[in-house]
Amino acid sequence: MMSKHPVFIAGPCVIESQECLEQVAEEIGRINRTYGLHIYFKSSFDKANRTSIQSYRGPGIDRGLRMLNDIKEKYNLEILTDIHEAWQAAPVAEVADVLQIPAFLCRQTDLLVAAAKTGKIVNVKKAQFLSGKDMQYPFQKVKDSGNDQVWLTERGNCFGYNNLVVDFRNIPDMKSFADTVIMDCTHAVQRPSAANGTTGGNREYIPAMALAAKAFGADGFFFEVHPSPDRALSDGPNMLPLADLENVILSLL
């Protein structure tokens, strides 16, 4: 169900350093206090699906969860992070308030069931090769495992090679069976594997992507943000500069 304000999720793609986490968390906390919002803090302890084996993946589950827990306690923020394997669900649920299933893995039954059994909110990202209506099956896997707290997230579909396109009809299609549908406004502007072994992107389209999703009835908005996206270790070309986050959120309120 949609609350007074949309659901907002924001944070750096991957945990790079404690300093970066704190810089982003401080700004998210300020926005929360200023506008009475409840922004979930997102960052990944491991990016297991990087294009190249040479690409930075993150600090790993043990150190990463300690860092996320420090952010949670210091800034009073709820945490969203990805899991890639079923065994990760239980330890991650000790810190995270929302367990996110990556788009490529949204049909992995054991992963969905393990996430569901933690009792935490499960955010399932729609695969780039599925329609919105196809997401009723991952959704039902979580529900049938005893968890009614299921979010679905639109993030675009493959459009030939190295490109994505968003069919905004997917939002109302998913809302026909799910209470909460999120628009991932930053991964939707990716150019997968299009930058010599890394993912490219067009961050200039992020604000318009969010407004279009609002028009189609999205219940929430996902933004990966970074203080200096051009220096980010993952997903820099499609991340929103941290300084722009406040104005983009205001455009959606």
C-alpha atoms as a PDB file:
ATOM      1  CA  MET A   1       0.000   0.000   0.000  1.00  0.00           C
ATOM      2  CA  MET A   2       1.242   3.489  -0.743  1.00  0.00           C
ATOM      3  CA  SER A   3       1.922   5.567   2.355  1.00  0.00           C
ATOM      4  CA  LYS A   4       1.944   9.346   2.723  1.00  0.00           C
ATOM      5  CA  HIS A   5       5.206   9.492   0.800  1.00  0.00           C
ATOM      6  CA  PRO A   6       6.631   7.133  -1.832  1.00  0.00           C
ATOM      7  CA  VAL A   7       9.244   4.574  -0.864  1.00  0.00           C
ATOM      8  CA  PHE A   8      12.717   5.962  -1.540  1.00  0.00           C
ATOM      9  CA  ILE A   9      15.892   3.870  -1.769  1.00  0.00           C
ATOM     10  CA  ALA A  10      19.270   5.545  -2.217  1.00  0.00           C
ATOM     11  CA  GLY A  11      22.958   4.870  -1.729  1.00  0.00           C
ATOM     12  CA  PRO A  12      26.207   3.996  -3.507  1.00  0.00           C
ATOM     13  CA  CYS A  13      26.191   0.968  -5.788  1.00  0.00           C
ATOM     14  CA  VAL A  14      28.877  -0.904  -3.865  1.00  0.00           C
ATOM     15  CA  ILE A  15      30.614  -0.331  -0.548  1.00  0.00           C
ATOM     16  CA  GLU A  16      33.830   1.459  -1.464  1.00  0.00           C
ATOM     17  CA  SER A  17      34.932   2.905   1.879  1.00  0.00           C
ATOM     18  CA  GLN A  18      33.535   3.928   5.242  1.00  0.00           C
ATOM     19  CA  GLU A  19      34.116   7.564   4.274  1.00  0.00           C
ATOM     20  CA  CYS A  20      31.940   7.266   1.158  1.00  0.00           C
ATOM     21  CA  LEU A  21      29.184   5.447   3.060  1.00  0.00           C
ATOM     22  CA  GLU A  22      29.133   8.106   5.759  1.00  0.00           C
ATOM     23  CA  GLN A  23      29.085  11.003   3.305  1.00  0.00           C
ATOM     24  CA  VAL A  24      26.038   9.547   1.549  1.00  0.00           C
ATOM     25  CA  ALA A  25      24.327   8.487   4.785  1.00  0.00           C
ATOM     26  CA  GLU A  26      24.730  11.947   6.289  1.00  0.00           C
ATOM     27  CA  GLU A  27      22.997  13.554   3.308  1.00  0.00           C
ATOM     28  CA  ILE A  28      20.206  10.961   3.255  1.00  0.00           C
ATOM     29  CA  GLY A  29      19.657  11.523   6.961  1.00  0.00           C
ATOM     30  CA  ARG A  30      19.451  15.275   6.408  1.00  0.00           C
ATOM     31  CA  ILE A  31      16.879  14.858   3.617  1.00  0.00           C
ATOM     32  CA  ASN A  32      14.849  12.501   5.808  1.00  0.00           C
ATOM     33  CA  ARG A  33      14.749  14.990   8.675  1.00  0.00           C
ATOM     34  CA  THR A  34      14.046  17.994   6.461  1.00  0.00           C
ATOM     35  CA  TYR A  35      11.082  16.506   4.599  1.00  0.00           C
ATOM     36  CA  GLY A  36       9.821  13.846   6.997  1.00  0.00           C
ATOM     37  CA  LEU A  37      10.859  11.017   4.681  1.00  0.00           C
ATOM     38  CA  HIS A  38      12.024   7.459   5.237  1.00  0.00           C
ATOM     39  CA  ILE A  39      14.773   6.749   2.704  1.00  0.00           C
ATOM     40  CA  TYR A  40      16.260   3.258   2.822  1.00  0.00           C
ATOM     41  CA  PHE A  41      20.059   3.243   2.587  1.00  0.00           C
ATOM     42  CA  LYS A  42      21.321   0.913  -0.147  1.00  0.00           C
ATOM     43  CA  SER A  43      24.793  -0.410  -0.830  1.00  0.00           C
ATOM     44  CA  SER A  44      26.141  -3.824  -1.838  1.00  0.00           C
ATOM     45  CA  PHE A  45      28.807  -5.754   0.084  1.00  0.00           C
ATOM     46  CA  ASP A  46      29.519  -7.784  -3.058  1.00  0.00           C
ATOM     47  CA  LYS A  47      28.767  -7.132  -6.727  1.00  0.00           C
ATOM     48  CA  ALA A  48      28.868 -10.727  -7.897  1.00  0.00           C
ATOM     49  CA  ASN A  49      27.741  -9.914 -11.457  1.00  0.00           C
ATOM     50  CA  ARG A  50      30.408  -7.454 -12.625  1.00  0.00           C
ATOM     51  CA  THR A  51      31.185  -7.568 -16.335  1.00  0.00           C
ATOM     52  CA  SER A  52      34.896  -8.294 -15.884  1.00  0.00           C
ATOM     53  CA  ILE A  53      36.711 -10.405 -13.305  1.00  0.00           C
ATOM     54  CA  GLN A  54      39.090  -7.460 -12.872  1.00  0.00           C
ATOM     55  CA  SER A  55      36.263  -5.178 -11.709  1.00  0.00           C
ATOM     56  CA  TYR A  56      35.939  -4.170  -8.053  1.00  0.00           C
ATOM     57  CA  ARG A  57      33.347  -6.280  -6.206  1.00  0.00           C
ATOM     58  CA  GLY A  58      33.278  -4.883  -2.678  1.00  0.00           C
ATOM     59  CA  PRO A  59      34.584  -5.791   0.789  1.00  0.00           C
ATOM     60  CA  GLY A  60      32.698  -9.089   1.095  1.00  0.00           C
ATOM     61  CA  ILE A  61      29.912 -10.199   3.385  1.00  0.00           C
ATOM     62  CA  ASP A  62      31.608 -10.109   6.799  1.00  0.00           C
ATOM     63  CA  ARG A  63      33.286  -6.709   6.612  1.00  0.00           C
ATOM     64  CA  GLY A  64      30.480  -5.315   4.456  1.00  0.00           C
ATOM     65  CA  LEU A  65      27.771  -6.183   6.976  1.00  0.00           C
ATOM     66  CA  ARG A  66      29.797  -4.629   9.788  1.00  0.00           C
ATOM     67  CA  MET A  67      30.107  -1.414   7.761  1.00  0.00           C
ATOM     68  CA  LEU A  68      26.396  -1.360   6.937  1.00  0.00           C
ATOM     69  CA  ASN A  69      25.499  -1.992  10.571  1.00  0.00           C
ATOM     70  CA  ASP A  70      27.675   0.959  11.605  1.00  0.00           C
ATOM     71  CA  ILE A  71      25.739   3.177   9.167  1.00  0.00           C
ATOM     72  CA  LYS A  72      22.431   1.830  10.471  1.00  0.00           C
ATOM     73  CA  GLU A  73      23.266   2.600  14.071  1.00  0.00           C
ATOM     74  CA  LYS A  74      25.077   5.907  13.582  1.00  0.00           C
ATOM     75  CA  TYR A  75      22.580   7.509  11.192  1.00  0.00           C
ATOM     76  CA  ASN A  76      19.375   5.709  12.219  1.00  0.00           C
ATOM     77  CA  LEU A  77      18.790   4.451   8.668  1.00  0.00           C
ATOM     78  CA  GLU A  78      17.154   1.237   7.527  1.00  0.00           C
ATOM     79  CA  ILE A  79      19.314  -0.869   5.236  1.00  0.00           C
ATOM     80  CA  LEU A  80      18.692  -2.534   1.861  1.00  0.00           C
ATOM     81  CA  THR A  81      21.329  -4.770   0.312  1.00  0.00           C
ATOM     82  CA  ASP A  82      21.608  -7.566  -2.252  1.00  0.00           C
ATOM     83  CA  ILE A  83      22.051 -11.270  -1.713  1.00  0.00           C
ATOM     84  CA  HIS A  84      23.307 -13.590  -4.437  1.00  0.00           C
ATOM     85  CA  GLU A  85      23.216 -16.999  -2.770  1.00  0.00           C
ATOM     86  CA  ALA A  86      20.645 -18.658  -0.515  1.00  0.00           C
ATOM     87  CA  TRP A  87      23.081 -19.120   2.400  1.00  0.00           C
ATOM     88  CA  GLN A  88      23.581 -15.340   2.596  1.00  0.00           C
ATOM     89  CA  ALA A  89      19.950 -14.630   3.490  1.00  0.00           C
ATOM     90  CA  ALA A  90      20.084 -15.425   7.213  1.00  0.00           C
ATOM     91  CA  PRO A  91      23.281 -13.504   8.121  1.00  0.00           C
ATOM     92  CA  VAL A  92      22.312 -10.532   5.942  1.00  0.00           C
ATOM     93  CA  ALA A  93      18.871 -10.382   7.581  1.00  0.00           C
ATOM     94  CA  GLU A  94      20.584  -9.766  10.940  1.00  0.00           C
ATOM     95  CA  VAL A  95      21.558  -6.312   9.616  1.00  0.00           C
ATOM     96  CA  ALA A  96      19.393  -5.496   6.588  1.00  0.00           C
ATOM     97  CA  ASP A  97      15.743  -4.477   6.758  1.00  0.00           C
ATOM     98  CA  VAL A  98      15.187  -5.273   3.075  1.00  0.00           C
ATOM     99  CA  LEU A  99      16.811  -8.146   1.177  1.00  0.00           C
ATOM    100  CA  GLN A 100      17.153  -7.438  -2.511  1.00  0.00           C
ATOM    101  CA  ILE A 101      17.175 -10.112  -5.202  1.00  0.00           C
ATOM    102  CA  PRO A 102      19.256  -9.016  -8.217  1.00  0.00           C
ATOM    103  CA  ALA A 103      17.489  -8.923 -11.571  1.00  0.00           C
ATOM    104  CA  PHE A 104      19.517 -11.733 -13.142  1.00  0.00           C
ATOM    105  CA  LEU A 105      18.601 -13.989 -10.200  1.00  0.00           C
ATOM    106  CA  CYS A 106      14.897 -13.221  -9.825  1.00  0.00           C
ATOM    107  CA  ARG A 107      13.857 -16.730 -10.944  1.00  0.00           C
ATOM    108  CA  GLN A 108      16.223 -18.564  -8.549  1.00  0.00           C
ATOM    109  CA  THR A 109      13.751 -20.432  -6.366  1.00  0.00           C
ATOM    110  CA  ASP A 110      16.105 -21.345  -3.509  1.00  0.00           C
ATOM    111  CA  LEU A 111      17.281 -17.733  -3.255  1.00  0.00           C
ATOM    112  CA  LEU A 112      13.726 -16.379  -3.154  1.00  0.00           C
ATOM    113  CA  VAL A 113      12.608 -18.942  -0.579  1.00  0.00           C
ATOM    114  CA  ALA A 114      15.602 -18.292   1.672  1.00  0.00           C
ATOM    115  CA  ALA A 115      14.998 -14.538   1.535  1.00  0.00           C
ATOM    116  CA  ALA A 116      11.304 -15.018   2.254  1.00  0.00           C
ATOM    117  CA  LYS A 117      11.962 -17.173   5.306  1.00  0.00           C
ATOM    118  CA  THR A 118      13.928 -14.387   7.021  1.00  0.00           C
ATOM    119  CA  GLY A 119      10.656 -12.482   7.490  1.00  0.00           C
ATOM    120  CA  LYS A 120      12.250  -9.322   6.119  1.00  0.00           C
ATOM    121  CA  ILE A 121      10.926  -7.283   3.197  1.00  0.00           C
ATOM    122  CA  VAL A 122      12.064  -8.905  -0.066  1.00  0.00           C
ATOM    123  CA  ASN A 123      12.656  -6.578  -3.021  1.00  0.00           C
ATOM    124  CA  VAL A 124      12.731  -8.593  -6.247  1.00  0.00           C
ATOM    125  CA  LYS A 125      14.182  -6.767  -9.239  1.00  0.00           C
ATOM    126  CA  LYS A 126      12.593  -7.616 -12.569  1.00  0.00           C
ATOM    127  CA  ALA A 127      14.967  -9.356 -14.939  1.00  0.00           C
ATOM    128  CA  GLN A 128      15.959  -7.588 -18.126  1.00  0.00           C
ATOM    129  CA  PHE A 129      14.465 -10.538 -20.048  1.00  0.00           C
ATOM    130  CA  LEU A 130      11.047 -10.670 -18.323  1.00  0.00           C
ATOM    131  CA  SER A 131       7.817  -8.727 -18.689  1.00  0.00           C
ATOM    132  CA  GLY A 132       6.008  -7.161 -15.771  1.00  0.00           C
ATOM    133  CA  LYS A 133       3.354  -9.868 -15.930  1.00  0.00           C
ATOM    134  CA  ASP A 134       6.047 -12.564 -15.757  1.00  0.00           C
ATOM    135  CA  MET A 135       6.982 -11.243 -12.304  1.00  0.00           C
ATOM    136  CA  GLN A 136       3.859 -12.796 -10.777  1.00  0.00           C
ATOM    137  CA  TYR A 137       5.806 -16.065 -10.550  1.00  0.00           C
ATOM    138  CA  PRO A 138       8.816 -14.810  -8.513  1.00  0.00           C
ATOM    139  CA  PHE A 139       6.306 -12.788  -6.462  1.00  0.00           C
ATOM    140  CA  GLN A 140       4.281 -15.910  -5.720  1.00  0.00           C
ATOM    141  CA  LYS A 141       7.381 -17.896  -4.754  1.00  0.00           C
ATOM    142  CA  VAL A 142       8.027 -15.414  -1.943  1.00  0.00           C
ATOM    143  CA  LYS A 143       4.373 -15.306  -0.901  1.00  0.00           C
ATOM    144  CA  ASP A 144       4.009 -19.083  -0.909  1.00  0.00           C
ATOM    145  CA  SER A 145       7.088 -19.276   1.327  1.00  0.00           C
ATOM    146  CA  GLY A 146       5.170 -17.425   4.021  1.00  0.00           C
ATOM    147  CA  ASN A 147       6.209 -13.817   3.432  1.00  0.00           C
ATOM    148  CA  ASP A 148       3.665 -11.166   2.407  1.00  0.00           C
ATOM    149  CA  GLN A 149       6.239  -8.331   2.343  1.00  0.00           C
ATOM    150  CA  VAL A 150       7.220  -8.372  -1.321  1.00  0.00           C
ATOM    151  CA  TRP A 151       8.299  -5.403  -3.413  1.00  0.00           C
ATOM    152  CA  LEU A 152       8.892  -5.602  -7.164  1.00  0.00           C
ATOM    153  CA  THR A 153      11.292  -3.305  -8.994  1.00  0.00           C
ATOM    154  CA  GLU A 154      11.287  -2.293 -12.661  1.00  0.00           C
ATOM    155  CA  ARG A 155      14.733  -1.697 -14.175  1.00  0.00           C
ATOM    156  CA  GLY A 156      14.319  -1.906 -17.946  1.00  0.00           C
ATOM    157  CA  ASN A 157      14.533  -4.625 -20.586  1.00  0.00           C
ATOM    158  CA  CYS A 158      17.254  -5.670 -23.016  1.00  0.00           C
ATOM    159  CA  PHE A 159      16.991  -3.698 -26.243  1.00  0.00           C
ATOM    160  CA  GLY A 160      19.385  -5.367 -28.638  1.00  0.00           C
ATOM    161  CA  TYR A 161      22.986  -5.464 -27.448  1.00  0.00           C
ATOM    162  CA  ASN A 162      24.416  -3.141 -24.768  1.00  0.00           C
ATOM    163  CA  ASN A 163      21.215  -1.191 -24.304  1.00  0.00           C
ATOM    164  CA  LEU A 164      18.072  -1.125 -22.172  1.00  0.00           C
ATOM    165  CA  VAL A 165      14.632   0.354 -22.719  1.00  0.00           C
ATOM    166  CA  VAL A 166      11.871   0.849 -20.145  1.00  0.00           C
ATOM    167  CA  ASP A 167       8.346  -0.235 -21.005  1.00  0.00           C
ATOM    168  CA  PHE A 168       6.451   1.720 -18.368  1.00  0.00           C
ATOM    169  CA  ARG A 169       3.407  -0.516 -18.857  1.00  0.00           C
ATOM    170  CA  ASN A 170       5.308  -2.981 -16.667  1.00  0.00           C
ATOM    171  CA  ILE A 171       4.541  -0.798 -13.627  1.00  0.00           C
ATOM    172  CA  PRO A 172       0.729  -1.070 -13.752  1.00  0.00           C
ATOM    173  CA  ASP A 173       1.076  -4.696 -14.868  1.00  0.00           C
ATOM    174  CA  MET A 174       3.016  -5.511 -11.692  1.00  0.00           C
ATOM    175  CA  LYS A 175       0.714  -3.361  -9.567  1.00  0.00           C
ATOM    176  CA  SER A 176      -2.177  -5.585 -10.635  1.00  0.00           C
ATOM    177  CA  PHE A 177      -0.869  -8.216  -8.189  1.00  0.00           C
ATOM    178  CA  ALA A 178       1.786  -6.465  -6.028  1.00  0.00           C
ATOM    179  CA  ASP A 179       1.132  -3.724  -3.475  1.00  0.00           C
ATOM    180  CA  THR A 180       4.524  -2.039  -3.871  1.00  0.00           C
ATOM    181  CA  VAL A 181       6.232  -1.464  -7.229  1.00  0.00           C
ATOM    182  CA  ILE A 182       9.505   0.458  -7.294  1.00  0.00           C
ATOM    183  CA  MET A 183      11.173   2.176 -10.253  1.00  0.00           C
ATOM    184  CA  ASP A 184      14.938   1.732 -10.378  1.00  0.00           C
ATOM    185  CA  CYS A 185      15.701   5.033 -12.059  1.00  0.00           C
ATOM    186  CA  THR A 186      19.456   4.525 -12.257  1.00  0.00           C
ATOM    187  CA  HIS A 187      19.900   0.934 -13.455  1.00  0.00           C
ATOM    188  CA  ALA A 188      17.244   1.691 -16.078  1.00  0.00           C
ATOM    189  CA  VAL A 189      19.662   4.090 -17.809  1.00  0.00           C
ATOM    190  CA  GLN A 190      22.517   1.578 -17.962  1.00  0.00           C
ATOM    191  CA  ARG A 191      24.331   0.567 -21.127  1.00  0.00           C
ATOM    192  CA  PRO A 192      25.304  -2.988 -20.093  1.00  0.00           C
ATOM    193  CA  SER A 193      28.878  -4.016 -20.916  1.00  0.00           C
ATOM    194  CA  ALA A 194      29.120  -1.047 -23.258  1.00  0.00           C
ATOM    195  CA  ALA A 195      32.237   0.625 -21.833  1.00  0.00           C
ATOM    196  CA  ASN A 196      35.160  -1.665 -22.611  1.00  0.00           C
ATOM    197  CA  GLY A 197      34.477  -4.322 -20.001  1.00  0.00           C
ATOM    198  CA  THR A 198      32.341  -2.212 -17.685  1.00  0.00           C
ATOM    199  CA  THR A 199      28.781  -0.926 -17.812  1.00  0.00           C
ATOM    200  CA  GLY A 200      28.099   2.476 -19.320  1.00  0.00           C
ATOM    201  CA  GLY A 201      25.057   4.655 -18.828  1.00  0.00           C
ATOM    202  CA  ASN A 202      23.218   7.942 -19.386  1.00  0.00           C
ATOM    203  CA  ARG A 203      22.653   9.538 -15.991  1.00  0.00           C
ATOM    204  CA  GLU A 204      21.160  12.671 -17.563  1.00  0.00           C
ATOM    205  CA  TYR A 205      17.899  10.752 -18.081  1.00  0.00           C
ATOM    206  CA  ILE A 206      17.430   9.792 -14.419  1.00  0.00           C
ATOM    207  CA  PRO A 207      15.120  12.693 -13.382  1.00  0.00           C
ATOM    208  CA  ALA A 208      12.820  12.169 -16.371  1.00  0.00           C
ATOM    209  CA  MET A 209      12.808   8.407 -15.812  1.00  0.00           C
ATOM    210  CA  ALA A 210      11.554   9.012 -12.274  1.00  0.00           C
ATOM    211  CA  LEU A 211       8.797  11.398 -13.361  1.00  0.00           C
ATOM    212  CA  ALA A 212       7.606   9.006 -16.065  1.00  0.00           C
ATOM    213  CA  ALA A 213       7.433   6.189 -13.516  1.00  0.00           C
ATOM    214  CA  LYS A 214       5.431   8.429 -11.194  1.00  0.00           C
ATOM    215  CA  ALA A 215       2.946   9.058 -14.005  1.00  0.00           C
ATOM    216  CA  PHE A 216       2.528   5.293 -14.410  1.00  0.00           C
ATOM    217  CA  GLY A 217       1.804   4.846 -10.703  1.00  0.00           C
ATOM    218  CA  ALA A 218       5.117   3.728  -9.185  1.00  0.00           C
ATOM    219  CA  ASP A 219       4.991   3.411  -5.399  1.00  0.00           C
ATOM    220  CA  GLY A 220       8.663   4.128  -4.916  1.00  0.00           C
ATOM    221  CA  PHE A 221      11.942   5.152  -6.507  1.00  0.00           C
ATOM    222  CA  PHE A 222      15.430   3.648  -6.371  1.00  0.00           C
ATOM    223  CA  PHE A 223      18.493   5.841  -6.924  1.00  0.00           C
ATOM    224  CA  GLU A 224      22.104   4.803  -6.740  1.00  0.00           C
ATOM    225  CA  VAL A 225      23.991   7.931  -5.708  1.00  0.00           C
ATOM    226  CA  HIS A 226      27.640   8.818  -5.240  1.00  0.00           C
ATOM    227  CA  PRO A 227      29.500  11.989  -4.209  1.00  0.00           C
ATOM    228  CA  SER A 228      31.625  11.753  -7.391  1.00  0.00           C
ATOM    229  CA  PRO A 229      30.062   9.287  -9.868  1.00  0.00           C
ATOM    230  CA  ASP A 230      32.874   9.674 -12.392  1.00  0.00           C
ATOM    231  CA  ARG A 231      35.268   8.266  -9.795  1.00  0.00           C
ATOM    232  CA  ALA A 232      32.950   5.493  -8.558  1.00  0.00           C
ATOM    233  CA  LEU A 233      34.224   1.911  -8.582  1.00  0.00           C
ATOM    234  CA  SER A 234      30.957   0.481  -9.950  1.00  0.00           C
ATOM    235  CA  ASP A 235      28.071   1.854 -12.047  1.00  0.00           C
ATOM    236  CA  GLY A 236      29.446   5.389 -12.131  1.00  0.00           C
ATOM    237  CA  PRO A 237      27.966   6.347 -15.537  1.00  0.00           C
ATOM    238  CA  ASN A 238      24.420   5.581 -14.400  1.00  0.00           C
ATOM    239  CA  MET A 239      24.627   6.911 -10.814  1.00  0.00           C
ATOM    240  CA  LEU A 240      23.040  10.173  -9.704  1.00  0.00           C
ATOM    241  CA  PRO A 241      25.397  12.745  -8.171  1.00  0.00           C
ATOM    242  CA  LEU A 242      24.664  12.940  -4.452  1.00  0.00           C
ATOM    243  CA  ALA A 243      24.221  16.711  -4.703  1.00  0.00           C
ATOM    244  CA  ASP A 244      21.274  16.197  -7.095  1.00  0.00           C
ATOM    245  CA  LEU A 245      19.343  13.732  -4.937  1.00  0.00           C
ATOM    246  CA  GLU A 246      17.342  16.299  -2.962  1.00  0.00           C
ATOM    247  CA  ASN A 247      15.947  18.085  -6.020  1.00  0.00           C
ATOM    248  CA  VAL A 248      15.015  14.828  -7.751  1.00  0.00           C
ATOM    249  CA  ILE A 249      13.174  13.644  -4.645  1.00  0.00           C
ATOM    250  CA  LEU A 250      11.370  16.989  -4.349  1.00  0.00           C
ATOM    251  CA  SER A 251      10.152  16.625  -7.935  1.00  0.00           C
ATOM    252  CA  LEU A 252       8.420  13.385  -6.890  1.00  0.00           C
ATOM    253  CA  LEU A 253       6.699  14.609  -3.719  1.00  0.00           C
END
